[in-house]
C-alpha atoms as a PDB file:
ATOM      1  CA  UNK A   1       7.959   9.229   6.094  1.00  0.00           C
ATOM      2  CA  UNK A   2       6.347  11.802   4.241  1.00  0.00           C
ATOM      3  CA  UNK A   3       2.786  12.721   5.675  1.00  0.00           C
ATOM      4  CA  UNK A   4      -0.067  12.673   3.201  1.00  0.00           C
ATOM      5  CA  UNK A   5      -3.007  15.002   3.068  1.00  0.00           C
ATOM      6  CA  UNK A   6      -6.012  13.041   4.594  1.00  0.00           C
ATOM      7  CA  UNK A   7      -8.743  15.293   2.923  1.00  0.00           C
ATOM      8  CA  UNK A   8      -7.496  15.019  -0.357  1.00  0.00           C
ATOM      9  CA  UNK A   9     -10.111  12.944  -2.137  1.00  0.00           C
ATOM     10  CA  UNK A  10     -10.354  10.913  -5.515  1.00  0.00           C
ATOM     11  CA  UNK A  11     -13.550  13.083  -6.024  1.00  0.00           C
ATOM     12  CA  UNK A  12     -11.964  16.223  -5.599  1.00  0.00           C
ATOM     13  CA  UNK A  13      -9.356  15.898  -7.767  1.00  0.00           C
ATOM     14  CA  UNK A  14     -11.523  15.165 -10.795  1.00  0.00           C
ATOM     15  CA  UNK A  15     -13.208  18.071  -9.632  1.00  0.00           C
ATOM     16  CA  UNK A  16     -10.448  20.357  -9.628  1.00  0.00           C
ATOM     17  CA  UNK A  17      -8.295  19.323 -12.323  1.00  0.00           C
ATOM     18  CA  UNK A  18      -8.803  19.935 -16.190  1.00  0.00           C
ATOM     19  CA  UNK A  19      -9.126  17.364 -18.821  1.00  0.00           C
ATOM     20  CA  UNK A  20      -7.274  16.961 -22.109  1.00  0.00           C
ATOM     21  CA  UNK A  21      -9.557  17.455 -24.987  1.00  0.00           C
ATOM     22  CA  UNK A  22     -11.355  13.895 -26.366  1.00  0.00           C
ATOM     23  CA  UNK A  23      -9.932  12.148 -28.936  1.00  0.00           C
ATOM     24  CA  UNK A  24     -10.669   8.555 -30.745  1.00  0.00           C
ATOM     25  CA  UNK A  25      -7.964   6.428 -31.478  1.00  0.00           C
ATOM     26  CA  UNK A  26      -5.296   7.025 -34.594  1.00  0.00           C
ATOM     27  CA  UNK A  27      -6.407   5.526 -37.440  1.00  0.00           C
ATOM     28  CA  UNK A  28      -2.818   4.469 -38.003  1.00  0.00           C
ATOM     29  CA  UNK A  29      -2.566   2.933 -34.359  1.00  0.00           C
ATOM     30  CA  UNK A  30      -5.928   0.733 -35.385  1.00  0.00           C
ATOM     31  CA  UNK A  31      -4.653  -0.663 -38.445  1.00  0.00           C
ATOM     32  CA  UNK A  32      -1.156  -1.383 -37.176  1.00  0.00           C
ATOM     33  CA  UNK A  33      -2.734  -2.829 -33.951  1.00  0.00           C
ATOM     34  CA  UNK A  34      -5.309  -5.418 -36.636  1.00  0.00           C
ATOM     35  CA  UNK A  35      -2.140  -6.223 -38.270  1.00  0.00           C
ATOM     36  CA  UNK A  36      -0.616  -7.569 -35.024  1.00  0.00           C
ATOM     37  CA  UNK A  37      -3.964  -9.398 -34.522  1.00  0.00           C
ATOM     38  CA  UNK A  38      -3.610 -10.172 -31.069  1.00  0.00           C
ATOM     39  CA  UNK A  39      -2.758  -9.066 -27.676  1.00  0.00           C
ATOM     40  CA  UNK A  40      -1.416 -10.232 -24.170  1.00  0.00           C
ATOM     41  CA  UNK A  41      -2.697  -8.575 -20.830  1.00  0.00           C
ATOM     42  CA  UNK A  42      -1.490  -9.207 -17.219  1.00  0.00           C
ATOM     43  CA  UNK A  43      -3.908  -7.977 -15.060  1.00  0.00           C
ATOM     44  CA  UNK A  44      -5.273  -7.631 -11.423  1.00  0.00           C
ATOM     45  CA  UNK A  45      -9.093  -7.150 -12.400  1.00  0.00           C
ATOM     46  CA  UNK A  46     -11.596  -9.991 -11.612  1.00  0.00           C
ATOM     47  CA  UNK A  47     -11.849 -12.057 -15.088  1.00  0.00           C
ATOM     48  CA  UNK A  48     -15.500 -12.513 -15.157  1.00  0.00           C
ATOM     49  CA  UNK A  49     -16.742  -8.940 -13.979  1.00  0.00           C
ATOM     50  CA  UNK A  50     -13.872  -6.990 -15.846  1.00  0.00           C
ATOM     51  CA  UNK A  51     -11.403  -8.666 -18.067  1.00  0.00           C
ATOM     52  CA  UNK A  52     -13.576 -11.247 -20.305  1.00  0.00           C
ATOM     53  CA  UNK A  53     -16.259  -8.484 -20.889  1.00  0.00           C
ATOM     54  CA  UNK A  54     -12.943  -5.532 -22.141  1.00  0.00           C
ATOM     55  CA  UNK A  55     -11.983  -8.447 -23.768  1.00  0.00           C
ATOM     56  CA  UNK A  56     -14.835  -9.465 -26.210  1.00  0.00           C
ATOM     57  CA  UNK A  57     -15.669  -5.540 -26.233  1.00  0.00           C
ATOM     58  CA  UNK A  58     -12.241  -4.797 -27.833  1.00  0.00           C
ATOM     59  CA  UNK A  59     -12.385  -7.977 -30.356  1.00  0.00           C
ATOM     60  CA  UNK A  60     -15.993  -7.047 -31.241  1.00  0.00           C
ATOM     61  CA  UNK A  61     -14.888  -3.470 -31.872  1.00  0.00           C
ATOM     62  CA  UNK A  62     -11.272  -4.323 -33.460  1.00  0.00           C
ATOM     63  CA  UNK A  63     -11.268  -7.813 -34.505  1.00  0.00           C
ATOM     64  CA  UNK A  64      -8.064  -8.219 -32.231  1.00  0.00           C
ATOM     65  CA  UNK A  65      -8.141 -11.447 -29.892  1.00  0.00           C
ATOM     66  CA  UNK A  66      -7.084 -10.562 -26.629  1.00  0.00           C
ATOM     67  CA  UNK A  67      -5.117 -12.876 -24.384  1.00  0.00           C
ATOM     68  CA  UNK A  68      -5.131 -12.345 -20.274  1.00  0.00           C
ATOM     69  CA  UNK A  69      -3.510 -13.808 -17.393  1.00  0.00           C
ATOM     70  CA  UNK A  70      -4.218 -12.580 -13.839  1.00  0.00           C
ATOM     71  CA  UNK A  71      -2.542 -12.644 -11.061  1.00  0.00           C
ATOM     72  CA  UNK A  72      -1.746  -9.939  -8.556  1.00  0.00           C
ATOM     73  CA  UNK A  73       0.471  -6.797  -8.930  1.00  0.00           C
ATOM     74  CA  UNK A  74       3.502  -7.843  -7.140  1.00  0.00           C
ATOM     75  CA  UNK A  75       3.558 -11.473  -9.392  1.00  0.00           C
ATOM     76  CA  UNK A  76       2.952  -9.350 -12.197  1.00  0.00           C
ATOM     77  CA  UNK A  77       5.892  -7.662 -11.543  1.00  0.00           C
ATOM     78  CA  UNK A  78       8.084 -10.690 -10.792  1.00  0.00           C
ATOM     79  CA  UNK A  79       6.826 -12.527 -13.920  1.00  0.00           C
ATOM     80  CA  UNK A  80       7.651  -9.589 -16.459  1.00  0.00           C
ATOM     81  CA  UNK A  81      10.856  -9.369 -14.549  1.00  0.00           C
ATOM     82  CA  UNK A  82      11.905 -13.074 -15.468  1.00  0.00           C
ATOM     83  CA  UNK A  83      10.485 -12.932 -18.763  1.00  0.00           C
ATOM     84  CA  UNK A  84      12.479  -9.391 -19.976  1.00  0.00           C
ATOM     85  CA  UNK A  85      15.449 -11.166 -17.917  1.00  0.00           C
ATOM     86  CA  UNK A  86      15.066 -14.408 -20.296  1.00  0.00           C
ATOM     87  CA  UNK A  87      14.767 -12.242 -23.493  1.00  0.00           C
ATOM     88  CA  UNK A  88      11.037 -13.104 -24.025  1.00  0.00           C
ATOM     89  CA  UNK A  89       8.623 -10.465 -23.297  1.00  0.00           C
ATOM     90  CA  UNK A  90       5.065 -12.209 -23.474  1.00  0.00           C
ATOM     91  CA  UNK A  91       2.710  -9.634 -22.312  1.00  0.00           C
ATOM     92  CA  UNK A  92       2.425  -6.110 -24.040  1.00  0.00           C
ATOM     93  CA  UNK A  93       0.543  -4.301 -21.398  1.00  0.00           C
ATOM     94  CA  UNK A  94      -0.513  -4.546 -17.901  1.00  0.00           C
ATOM     95  CA  UNK A  95      -2.324  -3.189 -15.028  1.00  0.00           C
ATOM     96  CA  UNK A  96      -2.181  -2.764 -11.037  1.00  0.00           C
ATOM     97  CA  UNK A  97      -1.958  -0.435  -8.375  1.00  0.00           C
ATOM     98  CA  UNK A  98       1.594  -1.270  -7.249  1.00  0.00           C
ATOM     99  CA  UNK A  99       3.498  -3.184 -10.425  1.00  0.00           C
ATOM    100  CA  UNK A 100       4.124   0.236 -12.664  1.00  0.00           C
ATOM    101  CA  UNK A 101       6.516   1.912  -9.857  1.00  0.00           C
ATOM    102  CA  UNK A 102       8.428  -1.605  -9.487  1.00  0.00           C
ATOM    103  CA  UNK A 103       8.562  -2.116 -13.263  1.00  0.00           C
ATOM    104  CA  UNK A 104       9.956   1.853 -13.852  1.00  0.00           C
ATOM    105  CA  UNK A 105      12.827   0.526 -11.473  1.00  0.00           C
ATOM    106  CA  UNK A 106      13.674  -1.983 -13.723  1.00  0.00           C
ATOM    107  CA  UNK A 107      13.483   0.044 -17.529  1.00  0.00           C
ATOM    108  CA  UNK A 108      10.517  -2.304 -18.540  1.00  0.00           C
ATOM    109  CA  UNK A 109       8.010   0.457 -19.207  1.00  0.00           C
ATOM    110  CA  UNK A 110       7.437   2.399 -22.074  1.00  0.00           C
ATOM    111  CA  UNK A 111       6.965   5.576 -22.090  1.00  0.00           C
ATOM    112  CA  UNK A 112       3.123   5.904 -23.518  1.00  0.00           C
ATOM    113  CA  UNK A 113       0.063   7.241 -22.603  1.00  0.00           C
ATOM    114  CA  UNK A 114      -3.304   7.234 -24.582  1.00  0.00           C
ATOM    115  CA  UNK A 115      -4.824  10.644 -25.909  1.00  0.00           C
ATOM    116  CA  UNK A 116      -8.030  10.217 -24.072  1.00  0.00           C
ATOM    117  CA  UNK A 117     -10.227  12.397 -22.052  1.00  0.00           C
ATOM    118  CA  UNK A 118      -9.637  11.942 -18.601  1.00  0.00           C
ATOM    119  CA  UNK A 119      -8.013  14.584 -15.380  1.00  0.00           C
ATOM    120  CA  UNK A 120      -4.317  15.127 -15.686  1.00  0.00           C
ATOM    121  CA  UNK A 121      -4.339  13.726 -12.165  1.00  0.00           C
ATOM    122  CA  UNK A 122      -4.944  10.401 -13.798  1.00  0.00           C
ATOM    123  CA  UNK A 123      -2.114  10.023 -15.674  1.00  0.00           C
ATOM    124  CA  UNK A 124       1.792   9.682 -14.524  1.00  0.00           C
ATOM    125  CA  UNK A 125       3.674  13.016 -15.061  1.00  0.00           C
ATOM    126  CA  UNK A 126       5.979  11.229 -16.428  1.00  0.00           C
ATOM    127  CA  UNK A 127       4.144   9.326 -19.066  1.00  0.00           C
ATOM    128  CA  UNK A 128       4.163   6.145 -18.131  1.00  0.00           C
ATOM    129  CA  UNK A 129       0.580   4.959 -16.937  1.00  0.00           C
ATOM    130  CA  UNK A 130      -2.751   5.894 -16.815  1.00  0.00           C
ATOM    131  CA  UNK A 131      -5.549   4.920 -14.416  1.00  0.00           C
ATOM    132  CA  UNK A 132      -8.485   2.760 -15.029  1.00  0.00           C
ATOM    133  CA  UNK A 133     -10.420   2.736 -12.174  1.00  0.00           C
ATOM    134  CA  UNK A 134     -10.348   3.193  -8.236  1.00  0.00           C
ATOM    135  CA  UNK A 135     -10.075   1.247  -4.900  1.00  0.00           C
ATOM    136  CA  UNK A 136     -11.026   2.496  -2.003  1.00  0.00           C
ATOM    137  CA  UNK A 137      -9.994   0.599   1.188  1.00  0.00           C
ATOM    138  CA  UNK A 138     -12.257   0.016   4.054  1.00  0.00           C
ATOM    139  CA  UNK A 139     -13.938  -2.681   6.504  1.00  0.00           C
ATOM    140  CA  UNK A 140     -16.571  -4.925   5.793  1.00  0.00           C
ATOM    141  CA  UNK A 141     -18.552  -6.737   7.757  1.00  0.00           C
ATOM    142  CA  UNK A 142     -21.119 -10.026   7.646  1.00  0.00           C
ATOM    143  CA  UNK A 143     -24.434  -8.686   8.345  1.00  0.00           C
ATOM    144  CA  UNK A 144     -25.902 -11.795   9.693  1.00  0.00           C
ATOM    145  CA  UNK A 145     -23.534 -11.844  12.254  1.00  0.00           C
ATOM    146  CA  UNK A 146     -23.063  -8.054  12.922  1.00  0.00           C
ATOM    147  CA  UNK A 147     -26.729  -6.254  12.716  1.00  0.00           C
ATOM    148  CA  UNK A 148     -26.565  -2.572  10.481  1.00  0.00           C
ATOM    149  CA  UNK A 149     -26.197  -0.348  13.550  1.00  0.00           C
ATOM    150  CA  UNK A 150     -23.826  -2.459  15.825  1.00  0.00           C
ATOM    151  CA  UNK A 151     -20.513  -2.319  13.484  1.00  0.00           C
ATOM    152  CA  UNK A 152     -17.416  -0.117  14.308  1.00  0.00           C
ATOM    153  CA  UNK A 153     -17.659   2.900  13.083  1.00  0.00           C
ATOM    154  CA  UNK A 154     -14.110   4.452  13.834  1.00  0.00           C
ATOM    155  CA  UNK A 155     -10.947   2.959  14.512  1.00  0.00           C
ATOM    156  CA  UNK A 156     -11.272   3.106  18.047  1.00  0.00           C
ATOM    157  CA  UNK A 157     -14.210   1.307  18.316  1.00  0.00           C
ATOM    158  CA  UNK A 158     -12.393  -1.677  16.604  1.00  0.00           C
ATOM    159  CA  UNK A 159     -10.681  -2.070  20.151  1.00  0.00           C
ATOM    160  CA  UNK A 160     -13.907  -2.774  22.126  1.00  0.00           C
ATOM    161  CA  UNK A 161     -13.277  -6.108  23.871  1.00  0.00           C
ATOM    162  CA  UNK A 162     -16.375  -7.520  21.843  1.00  0.00           C
ATOM    163  CA  UNK A 163     -14.634  -7.700  18.881  1.00  0.00           C
ATOM    164  CA  UNK A 164     -11.536  -9.586  20.225  1.00  0.00           C
ATOM    165  CA  UNK A 165     -11.277 -12.707  17.659  1.00  0.00           C
ATOM    166  CA  UNK A 166     -13.505 -11.332  15.644  1.00  0.00           C
ATOM    167  CA  UNK A 167     -11.612  -9.607  12.854  1.00  0.00           C
ATOM    168  CA  UNK A 168      -9.683 -10.588   9.844  1.00  0.00           C
ATOM    169  CA  UNK A 169      -7.136  -9.272   7.304  1.00  0.00           C
ATOM    170  CA  UNK A 170      -4.424 -10.015   4.584  1.00  0.00           C
ATOM    171  CA  UNK A 171      -1.052 -10.104   5.938  1.00  0.00           C
ATOM    172  CA  UNK A 172       0.538  -9.686   2.646  1.00  0.00           C
ATOM    173  CA  UNK A 173       2.030  -6.647   2.258  1.00  0.00           C
ATOM    174  CA  UNK A 174      -0.331  -4.304   0.334  1.00  0.00           C
ATOM    175  CA  UNK A 175      -2.640  -1.501   0.454  1.00  0.00           C
ATOM    176  CA  UNK A 176      -5.183  -3.889   0.541  1.00  0.00           C
ATOM    177  CA  UNK A 177      -3.596  -5.558   3.643  1.00  0.00           C
ATOM    178  CA  UNK A 178      -2.632  -5.267   7.434  1.00  0.00           C
ATOM    179  CA  UNK A 179       0.407  -3.101   6.229  1.00  0.00           C
ATOM    180  CA  UNK A 180      -2.241  -0.969   4.230  1.00  0.00           C
ATOM    181  CA  UNK A 181      -4.505  -0.037   7.790  1.00  0.00           C
ATOM    182  CA  UNK A 182      -1.355   0.741   9.619  1.00  0.00           C
ATOM    183  CA  UNK A 183      -0.477   3.239   7.034  1.00  0.00           C
ATOM    184  CA  UNK A 184      -4.341   4.600   7.093  1.00  0.00           C
ATOM    185  CA  UNK A 185      -3.895   5.021  11.031  1.00  0.00           C
ATOM    186  CA  UNK A 186      -0.208   6.255  10.844  1.00  0.00           C
ATOM    187  CA  UNK A 187      -1.668   9.424   8.201  1.00  0.00           C
ATOM    188  CA  UNK A 188      -4.698   9.787  10.298  1.00  0.00           C
ATOM    189  CA  UNK A 189      -2.941   9.726  13.712  1.00  0.00           C
ATOM    190  CA  UNK A 190       0.678  10.562  13.307  1.00  0.00           C
ATOM    191  CA  UNK A 191       3.377   8.014  14.723  1.00  0.00           C
ATOM    192  CA  UNK A 192       2.978   8.599  18.322  1.00  0.00           C
ATOM    193  CA  UNK A 193      -0.820   8.355  18.638  1.00  0.00           C
ATOM    194  CA  UNK A 194      -0.717   5.358  15.995  1.00  0.00           C
ATOM    195  CA  UNK A 195       1.697   3.564  17.832  1.00  0.00           C
ATOM    196  CA  UNK A 196      -0.316   3.455  20.792  1.00  0.00           C
ATOM    197  CA  UNK A 197      -3.384   2.889  18.608  1.00  0.00           C
ATOM    198  CA  UNK A 198      -1.577  -0.510  16.981  1.00  0.00           C
ATOM    199  CA  UNK A 199      -0.333  -1.798  20.079  1.00  0.00           C
ATOM    200  CA  UNK A 200      -3.678  -1.894  21.848  1.00  0.00           C
ATOM    201  CA  UNK A 201      -5.181  -3.454  18.303  1.00  0.00           C
ATOM    202  CA  UNK A 202      -2.715  -5.729  18.464  1.00  0.00           C
ATOM    203  CA  UNK A 203      -4.512  -7.192  21.739  1.00  0.00           C
ATOM    204  CA  UNK A 204      -7.933  -8.175  19.856  1.00  0.00           C
ATOM    205  CA  UNK A 205      -6.161 -10.968  17.894  1.00  0.00           C
ATOM    206  CA  UNK A 206      -7.023 -10.499  14.356  1.00  0.00           C
ATOM    207  CA  UNK A 207      -6.660 -13.428  12.385  1.00  0.00           C
ATOM    208  CA  UNK A 208      -4.117 -13.040   9.641  1.00  0.00           C
ATOM    209  CA  UNK A 209      -4.481 -14.418   6.612  1.00  0.00           C
ATOM    210  CA  UNK A 210      -2.131 -15.119   2.925  1.00  0.00           C
ATOM    211  CA  UNK A 211      -5.145 -14.292   0.433  1.00  0.00           C
ATOM    212  CA  UNK A 212      -6.462 -11.499  -1.494  1.00  0.00           C
ATOM    213  CA  UNK A 213      -8.552  -8.549   0.107  1.00  0.00           C
ATOM    214  CA  UNK A 214     -11.598 -10.376  -2.125  1.00  0.00           C
ATOM    215  CA  UNK A 215     -11.108 -13.372  -0.577  1.00  0.00           C
ATOM    216  CA  UNK A 216     -11.183 -11.983   3.106  1.00  0.00           C
ATOM    217  CA  UNK A 217     -14.068 -10.516   1.872  1.00  0.00           C
ATOM    218  CA  UNK A 218     -15.476 -13.802   0.622  1.00  0.00           C
ATOM    219  CA  UNK A 219     -14.531 -15.337   4.262  1.00  0.00           C
ATOM    220  CA  UNK A 220     -16.472 -12.487   5.913  1.00  0.00           C
ATOM    221  CA  UNK A 221     -19.466 -13.467   3.542  1.00  0.00           C
ATOM    222  CA  UNK A 222     -19.230 -16.997   4.215  1.00  0.00           C
ATOM    223  CA  UNK A 223     -19.870 -16.317   8.195  1.00  0.00           C
ATOM    224  CA  UNK A 224     -15.911 -17.493   8.919  1.00  0.00           C
ATOM    225  CA  UNK A 225     -15.602 -14.037  10.392  1.00  0.00           C
ATOM    226  CA  UNK A 226     -18.144 -11.021  11.208  1.00  0.00           C
ATOM    227  CA  UNK A 227     -15.270  -8.169   9.852  1.00  0.00           C
ATOM    228  CA  UNK A 228     -12.729  -8.589   7.740  1.00  0.00           C
ATOM    229  CA  UNK A 229     -10.350  -5.502   7.567  1.00  0.00           C
ATOM    230  CA  UNK A 230      -9.172  -3.083   4.623  1.00  0.00           C
ATOM    231  CA  UNK A 231     -11.770  -4.855   2.061  1.00  0.00           C
ATOM    232  CA  UNK A 232     -12.566  -2.812  -1.172  1.00  0.00           C
ATOM    233  CA  UNK A 233     -15.773  -0.964  -0.288  1.00  0.00           C
ATOM    234  CA  UNK A 234     -17.463  -1.950  -4.002  1.00  0.00           C
ATOM    235  CA  UNK A 235     -16.484  -5.430  -3.312  1.00  0.00           C
ATOM    236  CA  UNK A 236     -18.861  -5.295  -0.303  1.00  0.00           C
ATOM    237  CA  UNK A 237     -21.487  -3.367  -2.749  1.00  0.00           C
ATOM    238  CA  UNK A 238     -21.483  -5.751  -5.817  1.00  0.00           C
ATOM    239  CA  UNK A 239     -22.029  -8.801  -2.943  1.00  0.00           C
ATOM    240  CA  UNK A 240     -24.692  -7.320  -1.240  1.00  0.00           C
ATOM    241  CA  UNK A 241     -26.284  -6.562  -4.567  1.00  0.00           C
ATOM    242  CA  UNK A 242     -26.374 -10.121  -5.350  1.00  0.00           C
ATOM    243  CA  UNK A 243     -28.006 -11.122  -1.909  1.00  0.00           C
ATOM    244  CA  UNK A 244     -25.166 -11.397   0.112  1.00  0.00           C
ATOM    245  CA  UNK A 245     -25.097 -10.710   4.032  1.00  0.00           C
ATOM    246  CA  UNK A 246     -22.558  -7.717   3.701  1.00  0.00           C
ATOM    247  CA  UNK A 247     -22.051  -4.314   3.902  1.00  0.00           C
ATOM    248  CA  UNK A 248     -19.171  -2.199   4.324  1.00  0.00           C
ATOM    249  CA  UNK A 249     -18.148   0.654   7.037  1.00  0.00           C
ATOM    250  CA  UNK A 250     -17.184   4.348   6.234  1.00  0.00           C
ATOM    251  CA  UNK A 251     -14.227   3.915   8.603  1.00  0.00           C
ATOM    252  CA  UNK A 252     -12.422   7.470   7.916  1.00  0.00           C
ATOM    253  CA  UNK A 253     -10.059   8.167   6.553  1.00  0.00           C
ATOM    254  CA  UNK A 254      -9.686   5.540   4.077  1.00  0.00           C
ATOM    255  CA  UNK A 255      -6.737   4.902   1.691  1.00  0.00           C
ATOM    256  CA  UNK A 256      -7.736   5.429  -2.176  1.00  0.00           C
ATOM    257  CA  UNK A 257      -5.652   4.423  -5.020  1.00  0.00           C
ATOM    258  CA  UNK A 258      -6.206   3.395  -8.736  1.00  0.00           C
ATOM    259  CA  UNK A 259      -4.890   0.319 -10.895  1.00  0.00           C
ATOM    260  CA  UNK A 260      -2.905   2.232 -13.464  1.00  0.00           C
ATOM    261  CA  UNK A 261      -2.072   0.665 -17.146  1.00  0.00           C
ATOM    262  CA  UNK A 262       1.121   0.754 -18.703  1.00  0.00           C
ATOM    263  CA  UNK A 263       2.606  -0.631 -22.155  1.00  0.00           C
ATOM    264  CA  UNK A 264       5.812  -2.559 -21.622  1.00  0.00           C
ATOM    265  CA  UNK A 265       9.176  -2.071 -23.457  1.00  0.00           C
ATOM    266  CA  UNK A 266       9.923  -4.732 -26.103  1.00  0.00           C
ATOM    267  CA  UNK A 267       5.920  -5.385 -26.453  1.00  0.00           C
ATOM    268  CA  UNK A 268       5.584  -8.363 -28.797  1.00  0.00           C
ATOM    269  CA  UNK A 269       2.274  -6.527 -30.111  1.00  0.00           C
ATOM    270  CA  UNK A 270       2.937  -2.707 -28.929  1.00  0.00           C
ATOM    271  CA  UNK A 271       0.568  -0.872 -31.413  1.00  0.00           C
ATOM    272  CA  UNK A 272      -2.406  -3.587 -29.627  1.00  0.00           C
ATOM    273  CA  UNK A 273      -1.116  -3.108 -26.539  1.00  0.00           C
ATOM    274  CA  UNK A 274      -1.459   0.942 -26.856  1.00  0.00           C
ATOM    275  CA  UNK A 275      -5.014   0.076 -28.615  1.00  0.00           C
ATOM    276  CA  UNK A 276      -6.381  -2.164 -25.750  1.00  0.00           C
ATOM    277  CA  UNK A 277      -5.169   0.543 -22.961  1.00  0.00           C
ATOM    278  CA  UNK A 278      -7.086   3.187 -25.255  1.00  0.00           C
ATOM    279  CA  UNK A 279      -9.901   1.366 -25.215  1.00  0.00           C
ATOM    280  CA  UNK A 280     -10.145   0.830 -21.095  1.00  0.00           C
ATOM    281  CA  UNK A 281      -9.720   4.489 -20.761  1.00  0.00           C
ATOM    282  CA  UNK A 282     -12.388   5.364 -22.802  1.00  0.00           C
ATOM    283  CA  UNK A 283     -15.956   6.212 -22.052  1.00  0.00           C
ATOM    284  CA  UNK A 284     -16.740   2.748 -23.965  1.00  0.00           C
ATOM    285  CA  UNK A 285     -14.133   0.705 -21.592  1.00  0.00           C
ATOM    286  CA  UNK A 286     -15.157   2.490 -18.062  1.00  0.00           C
ATOM    287  CA  UNK A 287     -18.898   1.784 -18.801  1.00  0.00           C
ATOM    288  CA  UNK A 288     -18.005  -2.047 -18.459  1.00  0.00           C
ATOM    289  CA  UNK A 289     -16.097  -1.062 -15.088  1.00  0.00           C
ATOM    290  CA  UNK A 290     -19.321   0.934 -14.014  1.00  0.00           C
ATOM    291  CA  UNK A 291     -21.598  -2.065 -15.101  1.00  0.00           C
ATOM    292  CA  UNK A 292     -19.965  -4.406 -13.129  1.00  0.00           C
ATOM    293  CA  UNK A 293     -20.016  -2.668 -10.095  1.00  0.00           C
ATOM    294  CA  UNK A 294     -16.599  -0.997 -10.085  1.00  0.00           C
ATOM    295  CA  UNK A 295     -15.074   2.342  -9.877  1.00  0.00           C
ATOM    296  CA  UNK A 296     -14.620   4.251 -13.150  1.00  0.00           C
ATOM    297  CA  UNK A 297     -12.272   7.516 -13.541  1.00  0.00           C
ATOM    298  CA  UNK A 298     -13.639   8.732 -16.562  1.00  0.00           C
ATOM    299  CA  UNK A 299     -15.623  12.137 -15.239  1.00  0.00           C
ATOM    300  CA  UNK A 300     -18.400  10.948 -17.415  1.00  0.00           C
ATOM    301  CA  UNK A 301     -18.440   7.619 -16.588  1.00  0.00           C
ATOM    302  CA  UNK A 302     -20.979   7.474 -13.022  1.00  0.00           C
ATOM    303  CA  UNK A 303     -20.719   4.215 -10.818  1.00  0.00           C
ATOM    304  CA  UNK A 304     -23.724   2.529  -9.972  1.00  0.00           C
ATOM    305  CA  UNK A 305     -23.062   4.138  -6.306  1.00  0.00           C
ATOM    306  CA  UNK A 306     -21.708   7.318  -5.992  1.00  0.00           C
ATOM    307  CA  UNK A 307     -21.545   7.235  -2.116  1.00  0.00           C
ATOM    308  CA  UNK A 308     -18.709   4.547  -2.412  1.00  0.00           C
ATOM    309  CA  UNK A 309     -16.336   7.619  -3.535  1.00  0.00           C
ATOM    310  CA  UNK A 310     -14.988   9.955  -0.949  1.00  0.00           C
ATOM    311  CA  UNK A 311     -16.538  13.120  -1.568  1.00  0.00           C
ATOM    312  CA  UNK A 312     -14.348  15.329   0.487  1.00  0.00           C
ATOM    313  CA  UNK A 313     -17.299  16.281   2.744  1.00  0.00           C
ATOM    314  CA  UNK A 314     -18.901  13.805   4.602  1.00  0.00           C
ATOM    315  CA  UNK A 315     -16.821  11.032   3.670  1.00  0.00           C
ATOM    316  CA  UNK A 316     -13.171  11.847   3.557  1.00  0.00           C
ATOM    317  CA  UNK A 317     -10.107   9.789   2.396  1.00  0.00           C
ATOM    318  CA  UNK A 318      -5.838   9.630   1.779  1.00  0.00           C
ATOM    319  CA  UNK A 319      -5.541   9.564  -1.823  1.00  0.00           C
ATOM    320  CA  UNK A 320      -2.203   7.994  -3.201  1.00  0.00           C
ATOM    321  CA  UNK A 321      -0.743   7.683  -6.382  1.00  0.00           C
ATOM    322  CA  UNK A 322       1.305   4.500  -7.294  1.00  0.00           C
ATOM    323  CA  UNK A 323       4.102   6.044  -6.691  1.00  0.00           C
ATOM    324  CA  UNK A 324       3.234   7.560  -3.729  1.00  0.00           C
ATOM    325  CA  UNK A 325       2.045   3.789  -2.398  1.00  0.00           C
ATOM    326  CA  UNK A 326       5.399   2.701  -3.660  1.00  0.00           C
ATOM    327  CA  UNK A 327       7.313   4.829  -1.201  1.00  0.00           C
ATOM    328  CA  UNK A 328       5.326   4.351   2.010  1.00  0.00           C
ATOM    329  CA  UNK A 329       4.638   0.701   1.701  1.00  0.00           C
ATOM    330  CA  UNK A 330       7.944  -0.435   3.399  1.00  0.00           C
ATOM    331  CA  UNK A 331       7.223   1.968   5.994  1.00  0.00           C
ATOM    332  CA  UNK A 332       4.213   0.421   6.633  1.00  0.00           C
ATOM    333  CA  UNK A 333       5.167  -2.475   6.778  1.00  0.00           C
ATOM    334  CA  UNK A 334       7.755  -2.390   9.293  1.00  0.00           C
ATOM    335  CA  UNK A 335       5.244  -0.781  11.324  1.00  0.00           C
ATOM    336  CA  UNK A 336       2.743  -3.069  10.983  1.00  0.00           C
ATOM    337  CA  UNK A 337       5.895  -5.897  11.661  1.00  0.00           C
ATOM    338  CA  UNK A 338       6.379  -3.971  14.858  1.00  0.00           C
ATOM    339  CA  UNK A 339       3.205  -5.267  16.234  1.00  0.00           C
ATOM    340  CA  UNK A 340       1.410  -8.124  14.277  1.00  0.00           C
ATOM    341  CA  UNK A 341       4.471  -9.931  13.263  1.00  0.00           C
END
């Protein structure tokens, strides 16, 4: 397995890499999209926080209706493949950290990216995707059950007998699941030490859940479990801001990736799909992410809490592109299965 640099962070990438010149959506594209009148978007984003505000903003700006379907990355990929085989492509664009590599292999992604002001690291070198927001995978904990200052701070702390039976994680293979946690440990420790560590961790009776990382966090907030592993740290931040008894743990190095957007081949509304991608990647669209507490990728749009994003100094992380995640996940799953299946 290829080792990834554990000190390479999303913030550092943005600071070091140059940006393309800013530009607005092309007038011809806007007119062509308006003639199509609507667009269908398959998304992993949360509907009330992100999808609905983006759809409403896009409709106000361009008068184009947005239809959307929410599912996880794997579900979106399988749905698109099934629709394409039946000759009935329904969506014009989609997003997801794990969806594009799958659909690229099937030849179902159109080679197109918007001309927006983002660092080049946020574009697929092959031209199939552009990023829209970051995901930082850390543990989260219920502050009523685990008073602040007593939470585990490092991988080794999770081996303390007092946490036995008090941990939970998603086990549906993804970066925000036990498989992703195993990958984070592997990158941090190397295979020999990682296997020894995971063998010890398996004795902690971690509760396996077949739900999303967000739903793991929801169960932590509800008091079902004191600690949830491999949740998105900004989701803990959002919920804490709403009064929930929850916080996240700066356990290093977390895995960092981003959701990316792509245009589908043979899209029913290709121009509206392009325009929606352009809108989401623009400062206007990115502010919707920031306002909701999500982590925008646009360098001129700041998140509500910049400390959520690794800075390469006190908070280091391992950054993965969708393709790196795709290449790594099968190996992480085998490692996870060796100790937790």
